[in-house]
Amino acid sequence: MSSELERAEAELVAGKNGKALRLAWNVVLDALRRKDVEVLRRAADLSTQIAEASSGKDREGAEQLARYAIASIDDIENGTTQPSFWQKVLGKSAIPTKKCPDCAETIKREAQVCRFCGYRYTPSE
């Protein structure tokens, strides 16, 4: 995937901001599927560079991508998930969740006790 990231960087250098942005989106989506935090960080940085070099819709899209990549990094590092696009569209639960460190079941992010195994979270978790 780094080759696609490198292609996006090359397109940015060539002044093809729209193409760089499209490639960067592909990189982020693939990295998210693989939960590759390092690639997400690099793509967030690239998105910021694209935003700085762009105007109009490309700028807005690059800013959105940078925010999305950063939020995805936070979710991966914190073990939380956000509802997917389809969950939102289909009216599925939009409640943020986390994975219990004891039994690995998915529970509501605000839960203090796992409803499956009884694991008690400390205030910092």
C-alpha atoms as a PDB file:
ATOM      1  CA  MET A   1       0.000   0.000   0.000  1.00  0.00           C
ATOM      2  CA  SER A   2       2.929   2.325   0.472  1.00  0.00           C
ATOM      3  CA  SER A   3       3.251   2.406  -3.322  1.00  0.00           C
ATOM      4  CA  GLU A   4      -0.218   3.953  -3.586  1.00  0.00           C
ATOM      5  CA  LEU A   5       0.707   6.424  -0.864  1.00  0.00           C
ATOM      6  CA  GLU A   6       3.877   7.264  -2.788  1.00  0.00           C
ATOM      7  CA  ARG A   7       1.804   7.718  -5.957  1.00  0.00           C
ATOM      8  CA  ALA A   8      -0.471  10.129  -4.078  1.00  0.00           C
ATOM      9  CA  GLU A   9       2.570  12.065  -2.868  1.00  0.00           C
ATOM     10  CA  ALA A  10       3.939  12.207  -6.428  1.00  0.00           C
ATOM     11  CA  GLU A  11       0.605  13.498  -7.754  1.00  0.00           C
ATOM     12  CA  LEU A  12       0.642  16.238  -5.126  1.00  0.00           C
ATOM     13  CA  VAL A  13       4.171  17.252  -6.123  1.00  0.00           C
ATOM     14  CA  ALA A  14       3.011  17.315  -9.761  1.00  0.00           C
ATOM     15  CA  GLY A  15       0.189  19.690  -8.798  1.00  0.00           C
ATOM     16  CA  LYS A  16      -2.563  17.132  -9.394  1.00  0.00           C
ATOM     17  CA  ASN A  17      -4.274  17.703  -6.071  1.00  0.00           C
ATOM     18  CA  GLY A  18      -7.579  16.052  -6.995  1.00  0.00           C
ATOM     19  CA  LYS A  19      -5.880  12.852  -8.086  1.00  0.00           C
ATOM     20  CA  ALA A  20      -3.660  12.914  -4.991  1.00  0.00           C
ATOM     21  CA  LEU A  21      -6.772  13.230  -2.839  1.00  0.00           C
ATOM     22  CA  ARG A  22      -8.521  10.288  -4.521  1.00  0.00           C
ATOM     23  CA  LEU A  23      -5.460   8.107  -4.050  1.00  0.00           C
ATOM     24  CA  ALA A  24      -5.147   9.226  -0.425  1.00  0.00           C
ATOM     25  CA  TRP A  25      -8.762   8.167   0.234  1.00  0.00           C
ATOM     26  CA  ASN A  26      -7.958   4.707  -1.145  1.00  0.00           C
ATOM     27  CA  VAL A  27      -4.897   4.514   1.097  1.00  0.00           C
ATOM     28  CA  VAL A  28      -6.886   5.487   4.196  1.00  0.00           C
ATOM     29  CA  LEU A  29      -9.713   3.048   3.531  1.00  0.00           C
ATOM     30  CA  ASP A  30      -7.272   0.187   2.952  1.00  0.00           C
ATOM     31  CA  ALA A  31      -5.221   1.096   6.042  1.00  0.00           C
ATOM     32  CA  LEU A  32      -8.406   1.251   8.098  1.00  0.00           C
ATOM     33  CA  ARG A  33      -9.390  -2.258   7.014  1.00  0.00           C
ATOM     34  CA  ARG A  34      -5.934  -3.460   8.056  1.00  0.00           C
ATOM     35  CA  LYS A  35      -5.876  -1.238  11.180  1.00  0.00           C
ATOM     36  CA  ASP A  36      -2.494   0.118  10.070  1.00  0.00           C
ATOM     37  CA  VAL A  37      -1.987   3.146  12.293  1.00  0.00           C
ATOM     38  CA  GLU A  38       1.345   4.137  10.748  1.00  0.00           C
ATOM     39  CA  VAL A  39      -0.096   4.356   7.235  1.00  0.00           C
ATOM     40  CA  LEU A  40      -3.107   6.249   8.591  1.00  0.00           C
ATOM     41  CA  ARG A  41      -0.744   8.793  10.181  1.00  0.00           C
ATOM     42  CA  ARG A  42       1.182   9.237   6.944  1.00  0.00           C
ATOM     43  CA  ALA A  43      -2.068   9.600   4.998  1.00  0.00           C
ATOM     44  CA  ALA A  44      -3.382  12.171   7.498  1.00  0.00           C
ATOM     45  CA  ASP A  45      -0.191  14.187   7.031  1.00  0.00           C
ATOM     46  CA  LEU A  46      -0.496  13.911   3.257  1.00  0.00           C
ATOM     47  CA  SER A  47      -4.135  15.006   3.437  1.00  0.00           C
ATOM     48  CA  THR A  48      -3.109  18.089   5.398  1.00  0.00           C
ATOM     49  CA  GLN A  49      -0.519  18.878   2.719  1.00  0.00           C
ATOM     50  CA  ILE A  50      -3.136  18.425  -0.006  1.00  0.00           C
ATOM     51  CA  ALA A  51      -5.503  20.777   1.847  1.00  0.00           C
ATOM     52  CA  GLU A  52      -2.792  23.411   2.146  1.00  0.00           C
ATOM     53  CA  ALA A  53      -2.054  23.190  -1.590  1.00  0.00           C
ATOM     54  CA  SER A  54      -5.714  23.138  -2.685  1.00  0.00           C
ATOM     55  CA  SER A  55      -8.803  25.282  -2.764  1.00  0.00           C
ATOM     56  CA  GLY A  56     -12.523  24.669  -3.046  1.00  0.00           C
ATOM     57  CA  LYS A  57     -13.829  21.109  -2.963  1.00  0.00           C
ATOM     58  CA  ASP A  58     -10.383  19.527  -3.023  1.00  0.00           C
ATOM     59  CA  ARG A  59      -9.418  21.520   0.059  1.00  0.00           C
ATOM     60  CA  GLU A  60     -12.635  20.563   1.863  1.00  0.00           C
ATOM     61  CA  GLY A  61     -12.226  16.919   0.869  1.00  0.00           C
ATOM     62  CA  ALA A  62      -8.612  16.832   2.048  1.00  0.00           C
ATOM     63  CA  GLU A  63      -9.529  18.434   5.378  1.00  0.00           C
ATOM     64  CA  GLN A  64     -12.324  15.893   5.802  1.00  0.00           C
ATOM     65  CA  LEU A  65      -9.952  13.036   4.990  1.00  0.00           C
ATOM     66  CA  ALA A  66      -7.385  14.269   7.513  1.00  0.00           C
ATOM     67  CA  ARG A  67     -10.069  14.447  10.241  1.00  0.00           C
ATOM     68  CA  TYR A  68     -11.342  10.982   9.287  1.00  0.00           C
ATOM     69  CA  ALA A  69      -7.856   9.452   9.371  1.00  0.00           C
ATOM     70  CA  ILE A  70      -7.085  11.016  12.760  1.00  0.00           C
ATOM     71  CA  ALA A  71     -10.420   9.867  14.220  1.00  0.00           C
ATOM     72  CA  SER A  72      -9.759   6.374  12.848  1.00  0.00           C
ATOM     73  CA  ILE A  73      -6.338   6.322  14.537  1.00  0.00           C
ATOM     74  CA  ASP A  74      -7.970   7.303  17.834  1.00  0.00           C
ATOM     75  CA  ASP A  75     -10.577   4.560  17.455  1.00  0.00           C
ATOM     76  CA  ILE A  76      -7.945   1.907  16.728  1.00  0.00           C
ATOM     77  CA  GLU A  77      -5.696   2.985  19.597  1.00  0.00           C
ATOM     78  CA  ASN A  78      -8.613   3.198  22.063  1.00  0.00           C
ATOM     79  CA  GLY A  79     -10.278  -0.003  20.911  1.00  0.00           C
ATOM     80  CA  THR A  80     -13.490   1.836  20.064  1.00  0.00           C
ATOM     81  CA  THR A  81     -15.576   1.835  16.921  1.00  0.00           C
ATOM     82  CA  GLN A  82     -17.866   4.346  15.304  1.00  0.00           C
ATOM     83  CA  PRO A  83     -20.972   3.362  13.372  1.00  0.00           C
ATOM     84  CA  SER A  84     -20.369   2.730   9.694  1.00  0.00           C
ATOM     85  CA  PHE A  85     -21.952   4.744   6.921  1.00  0.00           C
ATOM     86  CA  TRP A  86     -24.430   1.921   6.278  1.00  0.00           C
ATOM     87  CA  GLN A  87     -25.325   1.623   9.942  1.00  0.00           C
ATOM     88  CA  LYS A  88     -26.195   5.321   9.923  1.00  0.00           C
ATOM     89  CA  VAL A  89     -28.175   5.088   6.685  1.00  0.00           C
ATOM     90  CA  LEU A  90     -30.068   1.974   7.705  1.00  0.00           C
ATOM     91  CA  GLY A  91     -30.779   3.307  11.176  1.00  0.00           C
ATOM     92  CA  LYS A  92     -28.627   0.803  13.004  1.00  0.00           C
ATOM     93  CA  SER A  93     -27.302   1.732  16.406  1.00  0.00           C
ATOM     94  CA  ALA A  94     -25.229   4.903  16.320  1.00  0.00           C
ATOM     95  CA  ILE A  95     -23.921   4.326  19.831  1.00  0.00           C
ATOM     96  CA  PRO A  96     -20.109   4.271  20.068  1.00  0.00           C
ATOM     97  CA  THR A  97     -18.735   1.003  21.416  1.00  0.00           C
ATOM     98  CA  LYS A  98     -15.595  -0.505  22.889  1.00  0.00           C
ATOM     99  CA  LYS A  99     -14.296  -4.043  23.202  1.00  0.00           C
ATOM    100  CA  CYS A 100     -14.106  -5.609  26.654  1.00  0.00           C
ATOM    101  CA  PRO A 101     -10.464  -6.435  27.450  1.00  0.00           C
ATOM    102  CA  ASP A 102     -11.534  -9.527  29.376  1.00  0.00           C
ATOM    103  CA  CYS A 103     -14.040 -11.307  27.121  1.00  0.00           C
ATOM    104  CA  ALA A 104     -13.657  -9.326  23.860  1.00  0.00           C
ATOM    105  CA  GLU A 105     -17.388  -8.666  23.546  1.00  0.00           C
ATOM    106  CA  THR A 106     -18.553  -5.316  22.175  1.00  0.00           C
ATOM    107  CA  ILE A 107     -20.250  -3.045  24.703  1.00  0.00           C
ATOM    108  CA  LYS A 108     -21.301   0.604  24.867  1.00  0.00           C
ATOM    109  CA  ARG A 109     -18.372   2.997  25.240  1.00  0.00           C
ATOM    110  CA  GLU A 110     -19.849   4.590  28.397  1.00  0.00           C
ATOM    111  CA  ALA A 111     -20.359   1.234  30.151  1.00  0.00           C
ATOM    112  CA  GLN A 112     -18.537   0.859  33.461  1.00  0.00           C
ATOM    113  CA  VAL A 113     -19.216  -2.888  33.738  1.00  0.00           C
ATOM    114  CA  CYS A 114     -19.204  -5.450  30.928  1.00  0.00           C
ATOM    115  CA  ARG A 115     -22.672  -6.966  30.655  1.00  0.00           C
ATOM    116  CA  PHE A 116     -21.225 -10.252  29.415  1.00  0.00           C
ATOM    117  CA  CYS A 117     -18.481 -11.082  31.910  1.00  0.00           C
ATOM    118  CA  GLY A 118     -18.769  -8.470  34.667  1.00  0.00           C
ATOM    119  CA  TYR A 119     -15.382  -6.839  33.991  1.00  0.00           C
ATOM    120  CA  ARG A 120     -15.240  -3.512  35.848  1.00  0.00           C
ATOM    121  CA  TYR A 121     -13.584  -0.581  34.106  1.00  0.00           C
ATOM    122  CA  THR A 122     -11.426   1.870  36.011  1.00  0.00           C
ATOM    123  CA  PRO A 123     -12.227   5.563  35.510  1.00  0.00           C
ATOM    124  CA  SER A 124      -9.251   5.922  33.102  1.00  0.00           C
ATOM    125  CA  GLU A 125     -10.525   3.145  30.760  1.00  0.00           C
END
